[in-house]
């Protein structure tokens, strides 16, 4: 069982202002948590592989391939651009 002094110390570290009733309540709750952790220490996990995620996750990416563009669409877009150079839309530097 965790002592009331330990509960006060934990509350001080967490910068919590707690009442005497709360000290008593936290003393019981923290003791239950520590008892449960002791139970977990008894579980045999020697055959369990470590995991970083509970489900199998893979990074799904597409191939970086050039798509054929419709030359007519490109031509119309370039015609509407206010400033163009060598078949590209020219924009102001943002640096």
PDB file of N, CA and C in Angstrom:
ATOM      1  N   UNK A   1       0.851  -1.184   0.000  1.00  0.00           N
ATOM      2  CA  UNK A   1       0.000   0.000   0.000  1.00  0.00           C
ATOM      3  C   UNK A   1       0.888   1.236   0.000  1.00  0.00           C
ATOM      4  N   UNK A   2       0.557   2.176  -0.841  1.00  0.00           N
ATOM      5  CA  UNK A   2       1.294   3.427  -0.930  1.00  0.00           C
ATOM      6  C   UNK A   2       0.889   4.315   0.257  1.00  0.00           C
ATOM      7  N   UNK A   3       1.859   5.031   0.816  1.00  0.00           N
ATOM      8  CA  UNK A   3       1.572   5.850   2.000  1.00  0.00           C
ATOM      9  C   UNK A   3       0.995   7.207   1.606  1.00  0.00           C
ATOM     10  N   UNK A   4       0.412   7.860   2.595  1.00  0.00           N
ATOM     11  CA  UNK A   4      -0.152   9.200   2.347  1.00  0.00           C
ATOM     12  C   UNK A   4       0.956  10.210   2.050  1.00  0.00           C
ATOM     13  N   UNK A   5       2.128  10.011   2.663  1.00  0.00           N
ATOM     14  CA  UNK A   5       3.259  10.898   2.404  1.00  0.00           C
ATOM     15  C   UNK A   5       3.690  10.773   0.941  1.00  0.00           C
ATOM     16  N   UNK A   6       3.671   9.544   0.426  1.00  0.00           N
ATOM     17  CA  UNK A   6       4.022   9.338  -0.973  1.00  0.00           C
ATOM     18  C   UNK A   6       2.993   9.995  -1.894  1.00  0.00           C
ATOM     19  N   UNK A   7       1.720   9.916  -1.519  1.00  0.00           N
ATOM     20  CA  UNK A   7       0.664  10.562  -2.309  1.00  0.00           C
ATOM     21  C   UNK A   7       0.874  12.069  -2.301  1.00  0.00           C
ATOM     22  N   UNK A   8       1.197  12.634  -1.147  1.00  0.00           N
ATOM     23  CA  UNK A   8       1.454  14.082  -1.071  1.00  0.00           C
ATOM     24  C   UNK A   8       2.654  14.465  -1.934  1.00  0.00           C
ATOM     25  N   UNK A   9       3.688  13.627  -1.883  1.00  0.00           N
ATOM     26  CA  UNK A   9       4.896  13.891  -2.671  1.00  0.00           C
ATOM     27  C   UNK A   9       4.574  13.854  -4.173  1.00  0.00           C
ATOM     28  N   UNK A  10       3.815  12.856  -4.597  1.00  0.00           N
ATOM     29  CA  UNK A  10       3.421  12.749  -6.013  1.00  0.00           C
ATOM     30  C   UNK A  10       2.575  13.947  -6.423  1.00  0.00           C
ATOM     31  N   UNK A  11       1.645  14.345  -5.546  1.00  0.00           N
ATOM     32  CA  UNK A  11       0.797  15.512  -5.831  1.00  0.00           C
ATOM     33  C   UNK A  11       1.641  16.781  -5.944  1.00  0.00           C
ATOM     34  N   UNK A  12       2.661  16.885  -5.089  1.00  0.00           N
ATOM     35  CA  UNK A  12       3.542  18.055  -5.131  1.00  0.00           C
ATOM     36  C   UNK A  12       4.333  18.070  -6.437  1.00  0.00           C
ATOM     37  N   UNK A  13       4.846  16.904  -6.849  1.00  0.00           N
ATOM     38  CA  UNK A  13       5.592  16.825  -8.102  1.00  0.00           C
ATOM     39  C   UNK A  13       4.715  17.175  -9.301  1.00  0.00           C
ATOM     40  N   UNK A  14       3.442  16.771  -9.228  1.00  0.00           N
ATOM     41  CA  UNK A  14       2.505  17.056 -10.312  1.00  0.00           C
ATOM     42  C   UNK A  14       1.863  18.428 -10.159  1.00  0.00           C
ATOM     43  N   UNK A  15       2.250  19.134  -9.108  1.00  0.00           N
ATOM     44  CA  UNK A  15       1.721  20.469  -8.813  1.00  0.00           C
ATOM     45  C   UNK A  15       0.193  20.461  -8.691  1.00  0.00           C
ATOM     46  N   UNK A  16      -0.278  19.458  -7.928  1.00  0.00           N
ATOM     47  CA  UNK A  16      -1.712  19.338  -7.683  1.00  0.00           C
ATOM     48  C   UNK A  16      -1.998  19.715  -6.238  1.00  0.00           C
ATOM     49  N   UNK A  17      -3.009  20.524  -6.038  1.00  0.00           N
ATOM     50  CA  UNK A  17      -3.462  20.809  -4.696  1.00  0.00           C
ATOM     51  C   UNK A  17      -4.594  19.847  -4.361  1.00  0.00           C
ATOM     52  N   UNK A  18      -4.350  18.922  -3.432  1.00  0.00           N
ATOM     53  CA  UNK A  18      -5.387  17.929  -3.122  1.00  0.00           C
ATOM     54  C   UNK A  18      -5.764  18.020  -1.651  1.00  0.00           C
ATOM     55  N   UNK A  19      -7.005  17.657  -1.366  1.00  0.00           N
ATOM     56  CA  UNK A  19      -7.517  17.675   0.002  1.00  0.00           C
ATOM     57  C   UNK A  19      -7.184  16.356   0.692  1.00  0.00           C
ATOM     58  N   UNK A  20      -7.469  16.283   1.997  1.00  0.00           N
ATOM     59  CA  UNK A  20      -7.218  15.040   2.743  1.00  0.00           C
ATOM     60  C   UNK A  20      -8.083  13.906   2.214  1.00  0.00           C
ATOM     61  N   UNK A  21      -9.330  14.220   1.835  1.00  0.00           N
ATOM     62  CA  UNK A  21     -10.204  13.177   1.266  1.00  0.00           C
ATOM     63  C   UNK A  21      -9.630  12.653  -0.048  1.00  0.00           C
ATOM     64  N   UNK A  22      -9.096  13.568  -0.856  1.00  0.00           N
ATOM     65  CA  UNK A  22      -8.499  13.154  -2.122  1.00  0.00           C
ATOM     66  C   UNK A  22      -7.218  12.352  -1.894  1.00  0.00           C
ATOM     67  N   UNK A  23      -6.462  12.714  -0.840  1.00  0.00           N
ATOM     68  CA  UNK A  23      -5.267  11.931  -0.500  1.00  0.00           C
ATOM     69  C   UNK A  23      -5.640  10.475  -0.250  1.00  0.00           C
ATOM     70  N   UNK A  24      -6.689  10.297   0.527  1.00  0.00           N
ATOM     71  CA  UNK A  24      -7.165   8.947   0.856  1.00  0.00           C
ATOM     72  C   UNK A  24      -7.628   8.205  -0.404  1.00  0.00           C
ATOM     73  N   UNK A  25      -8.365   8.903  -1.243  1.00  0.00           N
ATOM     74  CA  UNK A  25      -8.869   8.310  -2.483  1.00  0.00           C
ATOM     75  C   UNK A  25      -7.711   7.925  -3.407  1.00  0.00           C
ATOM     76  N   UNK A  26      -6.752   8.841  -3.587  1.00  0.00           N
ATOM     77  CA  UNK A  26      -5.608   8.570  -4.458  1.00  0.00           C
ATOM     78  C   UNK A  26      -4.715   7.481  -3.879  1.00  0.00           C
ATOM     79  N   UNK A  27      -4.636   7.414  -2.555  1.00  0.00           N
ATOM     80  CA  UNK A  27      -3.848   6.360  -1.917  1.00  0.00           C
ATOM     81  C   UNK A  27      -4.406   4.984  -2.303  1.00  0.00           C
ATOM     82  N   UNK A  28      -5.727   4.838  -2.249  1.00  0.00           N
ATOM     83  CA  UNK A  28      -6.362   3.566  -2.631  1.00  0.00           C
ATOM     84  C   UNK A  28      -6.173   3.299  -4.127  1.00  0.00           C
ATOM     85  N   UNK A  29      -6.428   4.313  -4.956  1.00  0.00           N
ATOM     86  CA  UNK A  29      -6.364   4.125  -6.409  1.00  0.00           C
ATOM     87  C   UNK A  29      -4.943   3.834  -6.890  1.00  0.00           C
ATOM     88  N   UNK A  30      -3.975   4.577  -6.393  1.00  0.00           N
ATOM     89  CA  UNK A  30      -2.595   4.330  -6.789  1.00  0.00           C
ATOM     90  C   UNK A  30      -2.108   2.958  -6.318  1.00  0.00           C
ATOM     91  N   UNK A  31      -2.555   2.542  -5.136  1.00  0.00           N
ATOM     92  CA  UNK A  31      -2.196   1.207  -4.635  1.00  0.00           C
ATOM     93  C   UNK A  31      -2.773   0.125  -5.533  1.00  0.00           C
ATOM     94  N   UNK A  32      -4.012   0.316  -5.999  1.00  0.00           N
ATOM     95  CA  UNK A  32      -4.625  -0.658  -6.911  1.00  0.00           C
ATOM     96  C   UNK A  32      -3.858  -0.728  -8.231  1.00  0.00           C
ATOM     97  N   UNK A  33      -3.432   0.422  -8.724  1.00  0.00           N
ATOM     98  CA  UNK A  33      -2.672   0.466  -9.983  1.00  0.00           C
ATOM     99  C   UNK A  33      -1.349  -0.285  -9.817  1.00  0.00           C
ATOM    100  N   UNK A  34      -0.649  -0.026  -8.710  1.00  0.00           N
ATOM    101  CA  UNK A  34       0.630  -0.701  -8.474  1.00  0.00           C
ATOM    102  C   UNK A  34       0.446  -2.201  -8.281  1.00  0.00           C
ATOM    103  N   UNK A  35      -0.638  -2.614  -7.622  1.00  0.00           N
ATOM    104  CA  UNK A  35      -0.932  -4.045  -7.468  1.00  0.00           C
ATOM    105  C   UNK A  35      -1.169  -4.691  -8.832  1.00  0.00           C
ATOM    106  N   UNK A  36      -1.868  -3.997  -9.708  1.00  0.00           N
ATOM    107  CA  UNK A  36      -2.139  -4.533 -11.046  1.00  0.00           C
ATOM    108  C   UNK A  36      -0.847  -4.667 -11.846  1.00  0.00           C
ATOM    109  N   UNK A  37       0.048  -3.715 -11.708  1.00  0.00           N
ATOM    110  CA  UNK A  37       1.340  -3.787 -12.392  1.00  0.00           C
ATOM    111  C   UNK A  37       2.123  -4.994 -11.894  1.00  0.00           C
ATOM    112  N   UNK A  38       2.058  -5.269 -10.600  1.00  0.00           N
ATOM    113  CA  UNK A  38       2.729  -6.459 -10.060  1.00  0.00           C
ATOM    114  C   UNK A  38       2.139  -7.728 -10.671  1.00  0.00           C
ATOM    115  N   UNK A  39       0.818  -7.754 -10.872  1.00  0.00           N
ATOM    116  CA  UNK A  39       0.179  -8.910 -11.521  1.00  0.00           C
ATOM    117  C   UNK A  39       0.697  -9.060 -12.946  1.00  0.00           C
ATOM    118  N   UNK A  40       0.831  -7.963 -13.651  1.00  0.00           N
ATOM    119  CA  UNK A  40       1.310  -8.015 -15.036  1.00  0.00           C
ATOM    120  C   UNK A  40       2.742  -8.527 -15.124  1.00  0.00           C
ATOM    121  N   UNK A  41       3.553  -8.257 -14.108  1.00  0.00           N
ATOM    122  CA  UNK A  41       4.935  -8.727 -14.106  1.00  0.00           C
ATOM    123  C   UNK A  41       5.013 -10.252 -14.054  1.00  0.00           C
ATOM    124  N   UNK A  42       3.963 -10.900 -13.557  1.00  0.00           N
ATOM    125  CA  UNK A  42       3.950 -12.353 -13.424  1.00  0.00           C
ATOM    126  C   UNK A  42       3.572 -13.067 -14.725  1.00  0.00           C
ATOM    127  N   UNK A  43       3.079 -12.345 -15.714  1.00  0.00           N
ATOM    128  CA  UNK A  43       2.646 -12.936 -16.975  1.00  0.00           C
ATOM    129  C   UNK A  43       3.870 -13.367 -17.783  1.00  0.00           C
ATOM    130  N   UNK A  44       3.817 -14.592 -18.326  1.00  0.00           N
ATOM    131  CA  UNK A  44       4.909 -15.109 -19.142  1.00  0.00           C
ATOM    132  C   UNK A  44       4.781 -14.570 -20.572  1.00  0.00           C
ATOM    133  N   UNK A  45       5.733 -13.740 -20.962  1.00  0.00           N
ATOM    134  CA  UNK A  45       5.703 -13.169 -22.312  1.00  0.00           C
ATOM    135  C   UNK A  45       6.934 -13.595 -23.111  1.00  0.00           C
ATOM    136  N   UNK A  46       7.555 -14.680 -22.710  1.00  0.00           N
ATOM    137  CA  UNK A  46       8.790 -15.115 -23.368  1.00  0.00           C
ATOM    138  C   UNK A  46       8.572 -15.511 -24.825  1.00  0.00           C
ATOM    139  N   UNK A  47       7.365 -15.973 -25.188  1.00  0.00           N
ATOM    140  CA  UNK A  47       7.086 -16.395 -26.564  1.00  0.00           C
ATOM    141  C   UNK A  47       6.360 -15.333 -27.382  1.00  0.00           C
ATOM    142  N   UNK A  48       6.274 -14.131 -26.857  1.00  0.00           N
ATOM    143  CA  UNK A  48       5.567 -13.053 -27.553  1.00  0.00           C
ATOM    144  C   UNK A  48       6.591 -12.168 -28.247  1.00  0.00           C
ATOM    145  N   UNK A  49       6.397 -11.982 -29.550  1.00  0.00           N
ATOM    146  CA  UNK A  49       7.305 -11.123 -30.306  1.00  0.00           C
ATOM    147  C   UNK A  49       7.011  -9.652 -30.027  1.00  0.00           C
ATOM    148  N   UNK A  50       8.047  -8.834 -29.901  1.00  0.00           N
ATOM    149  CA  UNK A  50       7.813  -7.404 -29.693  1.00  0.00           C
ATOM    150  C   UNK A  50       7.188  -6.780 -30.940  1.00  0.00           C
ATOM    151  N   UNK A  51       6.280  -5.867 -30.733  1.00  0.00           N
ATOM    152  CA  UNK A  51       5.630  -5.180 -31.844  1.00  0.00           C
ATOM    153  C   UNK A  51       5.645  -3.678 -31.588  1.00  0.00           C
ATOM    154  N   UNK A  52       5.661  -2.939 -32.662  1.00  0.00           N
ATOM    155  CA  UNK A  52       5.573  -1.491 -32.526  1.00  0.00           C
ATOM    156  C   UNK A  52       4.172  -1.001 -32.856  1.00  0.00           C
ATOM    157  N   UNK A  53       3.367  -1.903 -33.438  1.00  0.00           N
ATOM    158  CA  UNK A  53       2.006  -1.550 -33.811  1.00  0.00           C
ATOM    159  C   UNK A  53       1.141  -2.797 -33.688  1.00  0.00           C
ATOM    160  N   UNK A  54      -0.089  -2.639 -33.292  1.00  0.00           N
ATOM    161  CA  UNK A  54      -0.946  -3.798 -33.057  1.00  0.00           C
ATOM    162  C   UNK A  54      -1.449  -4.462 -34.338  1.00  0.00           C
ATOM    163  N   UNK A  55      -1.431  -3.731 -35.443  1.00  0.00           N
ATOM    164  CA  UNK A  55      -1.845  -4.321 -36.716  1.00  0.00           C
ATOM    165  C   UNK A  55      -0.717  -4.160 -37.724  1.00  0.00           C
ATOM    166  N   UNK A  56      -0.714  -5.017 -38.715  1.00  0.00           N
ATOM    167  CA  UNK A  56       0.322  -4.946 -39.736  1.00  0.00           C
ATOM    168  C   UNK A  56       0.047  -3.752 -40.655  1.00  0.00           C
ATOM    169  N   UNK A  57       0.993  -2.839 -40.700  1.00  0.00           N
ATOM    170  CA  UNK A  57       0.826  -1.636 -41.503  1.00  0.00           C
ATOM    171  C   UNK A  57       1.982  -1.558 -42.491  1.00  0.00           C
ATOM    172  N   UNK A  58       1.649  -1.315 -43.728  1.00  0.00           N
ATOM    173  CA  UNK A  58       2.669  -1.139 -44.744  1.00  0.00           C
ATOM    174  C   UNK A  58       2.488   0.221 -45.396  1.00  0.00           C
ATOM    175  N   UNK A  59       3.594   0.818 -45.777  1.00  0.00           N
ATOM    176  CA  UNK A  59       3.540   2.097 -46.459  1.00  0.00           C
ATOM    177  C   UNK A  59       3.173   1.842 -47.919  1.00  0.00           C
ATOM    178  N   UNK A  60       2.052   2.351 -48.332  1.00  0.00           N
ATOM    179  CA  UNK A  60       1.583   2.142 -49.701  1.00  0.00           C
ATOM    180  C   UNK A  60       1.886   3.400 -50.502  1.00  0.00           C
ATOM    181  N   UNK A  61       2.764   3.243 -51.491  1.00  0.00           N
ATOM    182  CA  UNK A  61       3.114   4.376 -52.337  1.00  0.00           C
ATOM    183  C   UNK A  61       2.974   3.954 -53.792  1.00  0.00           C
ATOM    184  N   UNK A  62       2.717   4.912 -54.630  1.00  0.00           N
ATOM    185  CA  UNK A  62       2.606   4.615 -56.055  1.00  0.00           C
ATOM    186  C   UNK A  62       3.955   4.840 -56.711  1.00  0.00           C
ATOM    187  N   UNK A  63       4.130   4.256 -57.864  1.00  0.00           N
ATOM    188  CA  UNK A  63       5.359   4.473 -58.620  1.00  0.00           C
ATOM    189  C   UNK A  63       5.400   5.910 -59.109  1.00  0.00           C
ATOM    190  N   UNK A  64       6.569   6.464 -59.147  1.00  0.00           N
ATOM    191  CA  UNK A  64       6.749   7.828 -59.626  1.00  0.00           C
ATOM    192  C   UNK A  64       6.935   7.774 -61.137  1.00  0.00           C
ATOM    193  N   UNK A  65       5.832   7.823 -61.835  1.00  0.00           N
ATOM    194  CA  UNK A  65       5.865   7.722 -63.286  1.00  0.00           C
ATOM    195  C   UNK A  65       5.312   8.991 -63.917  1.00  0.00           C
ATOM    196  N   UNK A  66       5.846   9.327 -65.063  1.00  0.00           N
ATOM    197  CA  UNK A  66       5.365  10.492 -65.796  1.00  0.00           C
ATOM    198  C   UNK A  66       4.072  10.109 -66.504  1.00  0.00           C
ATOM    199  N   UNK A  67       3.050  10.934 -66.313  1.00  0.00           N
ATOM    200  CA  UNK A  67       1.791  10.703 -67.011  1.00  0.00           C
ATOM    201  C   UNK A  67       1.808  11.482 -68.319  1.00  0.00           C
ATOM    202  N   UNK A  68       1.306  10.880 -69.348  1.00  0.00           N
ATOM    203  CA  UNK A  68       1.196  11.579 -70.627  1.00  0.00           C
ATOM    204  C   UNK A  68       0.137  12.664 -70.494  1.00  0.00           C
ATOM    205  N   UNK A  69       0.517  13.870 -70.833  1.00  0.00           N
ATOM    206  CA  UNK A  69      -0.396  14.990 -70.735  1.00  0.00           C
ATOM    207  C   UNK A  69      -1.015  15.266 -72.100  1.00  0.00           C
ATOM    208  N   UNK A  70      -2.201  15.749 -72.074  1.00  0.00           N
ATOM    209  CA  UNK A  70      -2.876  16.157 -73.293  1.00  0.00           C
ATOM    210  C   UNK A  70      -2.248  17.479 -73.744  1.00  0.00           C
ATOM    211  N   UNK A  71      -1.601  17.463 -74.871  1.00  0.00           N
ATOM    212  CA  UNK A  71      -0.893  18.653 -75.345  1.00  0.00           C
ATOM    213  C   UNK A  71      -1.826  19.827 -75.588  1.00  0.00           C
ATOM    214  N   UNK A  72      -3.046  19.545 -75.988  1.00  0.00           N
ATOM    215  CA  UNK A  72      -4.020  20.621 -76.229  1.00  0.00           C
ATOM    216  C   UNK A  72      -4.377  21.326 -74.917  1.00  0.00           C
ATOM    217  N   UNK A  73      -4.531  20.552 -73.837  1.00  0.00           N
ATOM    218  CA  UNK A  73      -4.840  21.139 -72.523  1.00  0.00           C
ATOM    219  C   UNK A  73      -3.665  21.993 -72.055  1.00  0.00           C
ATOM    220  N   UNK A  74      -2.456  21.463 -72.213  1.00  0.00           N
ATOM    221  CA  UNK A  74      -1.270  22.236 -71.816  1.00  0.00           C
ATOM    222  C   UNK A  74      -1.183  23.549 -72.591  1.00  0.00           C
ATOM    223  N   UNK A  75      -1.466  23.495 -73.874  1.00  0.00           N
ATOM    224  CA  UNK A  75      -1.404  24.684 -74.731  1.00  0.00           C
ATOM    225  C   UNK A  75      -2.407  25.741 -74.270  1.00  0.00           C
ATOM    226  N   UNK A  76      -3.639  25.292 -73.921  1.00  0.00           N
ATOM    227  CA  UNK A  76      -4.665  26.241 -73.457  1.00  0.00           C
ATOM    228  C   UNK A  76      -4.284  26.851 -72.109  1.00  0.00           C
ATOM    229  N   UNK A  77      -3.703  26.046 -71.231  1.00  0.00           N
ATOM    230  CA  UNK A  77      -3.284  26.571 -69.926  1.00  0.00           C
ATOM    231  C   UNK A  77      -2.184  27.607 -70.107  1.00  0.00           C
ATOM    232  N   UNK A  78      -1.207  27.307 -70.941  1.00  0.00           N
ATOM    233  CA  UNK A  78      -0.113  28.257 -71.184  1.00  0.00           C
ATOM    234  C   UNK A  78      -0.612  29.552 -71.814  1.00  0.00           C
ATOM    235  N   UNK A  79      -1.611  29.471 -72.669  1.00  0.00           N
ATOM    236  CA  UNK A  79      -2.166  30.675 -73.292  1.00  0.00           C
ATOM    237  C   UNK A  79      -2.769  31.600 -72.253  1.00  0.00           C
ATOM    238  N   UNK A  80      -3.306  31.041 -71.165  1.00  0.00           N
ATOM    239  CA  UNK A  80      -3.957  31.844 -70.133  1.00  0.00           C
ATOM    240  C   UNK A  80      -2.978  32.389 -69.095  1.00  0.00           C
ATOM    241  N   UNK A  81      -1.764  31.877 -69.063  1.00  0.00           N
ATOM    242  CA  UNK A  81      -0.773  32.316 -68.072  1.00  0.00           C
ATOM    243  C   UNK A  81      -0.303  33.727 -68.391  1.00  0.00           C
ATOM    244  N   UNK A  82      -0.169  34.590 -67.378  1.00  0.00           N
ATOM    245  CA  UNK A  82       0.270  35.956 -67.625  1.00  0.00           C
ATOM    246  C   UNK A  82       1.758  36.052 -67.998  1.00  0.00           C
ATOM    247  N   UNK A  83       2.582  35.132 -67.516  1.00  0.00           N
ATOM    248  CA  UNK A  83       4.013  35.172 -67.810  1.00  0.00           C
ATOM    249  C   UNK A  83       4.490  33.751 -68.082  1.00  0.00           C
ATOM    250  N   UNK A  84       5.102  33.545 -69.230  1.00  0.00           N
ATOM    251  CA  UNK A  84       5.561  32.205 -69.596  1.00  0.00           C
ATOM    252  C   UNK A  84       6.957  32.273 -70.177  1.00  0.00           C
ATOM    253  N   UNK A  85       7.687  31.136 -70.062  1.00  0.00           N
ATOM    254  CA  UNK A  85       9.044  31.085 -70.593  1.00  0.00           C
ATOM    255  C   UNK A  85       9.340  29.644 -71.002  1.00  0.00           C
ATOM    256  N   UNK A  86       9.715  29.426 -72.236  1.00  0.00           N
ATOM    257  CA  UNK A  86      10.110  28.135 -72.771  1.00  0.00           C
ATOM    258  C   UNK A  86       9.089  27.027 -72.474  1.00  0.00           C
ATOM    259  N   UNK A  87       7.832  27.335 -72.655  1.00  0.00           N
ATOM    260  CA  UNK A  87       6.783  26.332 -72.495  1.00  0.00           C
ATOM    261  C   UNK A  87       6.373  26.069 -71.045  1.00  0.00           C
ATOM    262  N   UNK A  88       6.799  26.947 -70.116  1.00  0.00           N
ATOM    263  CA  UNK A  88       6.446  26.795 -68.693  1.00  0.00           C
ATOM    264  C   UNK A  88       5.838  28.093 -68.197  1.00  0.00           C
ATOM    265  N   UNK A  89       5.030  27.957 -67.156  1.00  0.00           N
ATOM    266  CA  UNK A  89       4.467  29.150 -66.503  1.00  0.00           C
ATOM    267  C   UNK A  89       5.529  29.713 -65.573  1.00  0.00           C
ATOM    268  N   UNK A  90       5.797  31.000 -65.688  1.00  0.00           N
ATOM    269  CA  UNK A  90       6.807  31.647 -64.892  1.00  0.00           C
ATOM    270  C   UNK A  90       6.115  32.297 -63.679  1.00  0.00           C
ATOM    271  N   UNK A  91       6.680  32.100 -62.514  1.00  0.00           N
ATOM    272  CA  UNK A  91       6.111  32.682 -61.279  1.00  0.00           C
ATOM    273  C   UNK A  91       7.205  33.458 -60.549  1.00  0.00           C
ATOM    274  N   UNK A  92       6.780  34.364 -59.672  1.00  0.00           N
ATOM    275  CA  UNK A  92       7.738  35.158 -58.904  1.00  0.00           C
ATOM    276  C   UNK A  92       8.412  34.278 -57.855  1.00  0.00           C
ATOM    277  N   UNK A  93       9.654  34.621 -57.561  1.00  0.00           N
ATOM    278  CA  UNK A  93      10.405  33.925 -56.535  1.00  0.00           C
ATOM    279  C   UNK A  93       9.806  34.250 -55.171  1.00  0.00           C
ATOM    280  N   UNK A  94       9.774  33.285 -54.290  1.00  0.00           N
ATOM    281  CA  UNK A  94       9.195  33.518 -52.963  1.00  0.00           C
ATOM    282  C   UNK A  94      10.246  33.476 -51.868  1.00  0.00           C
ATOM    283  N   UNK A  95      11.505  33.424 -52.255  1.00  0.00           N
ATOM    284  CA  UNK A  95      12.572  33.341 -51.254  1.00  0.00           C
ATOM    285  C   UNK A  95      12.962  34.697 -50.743  1.00  0.00           C
TER     286      UNK A  95
END
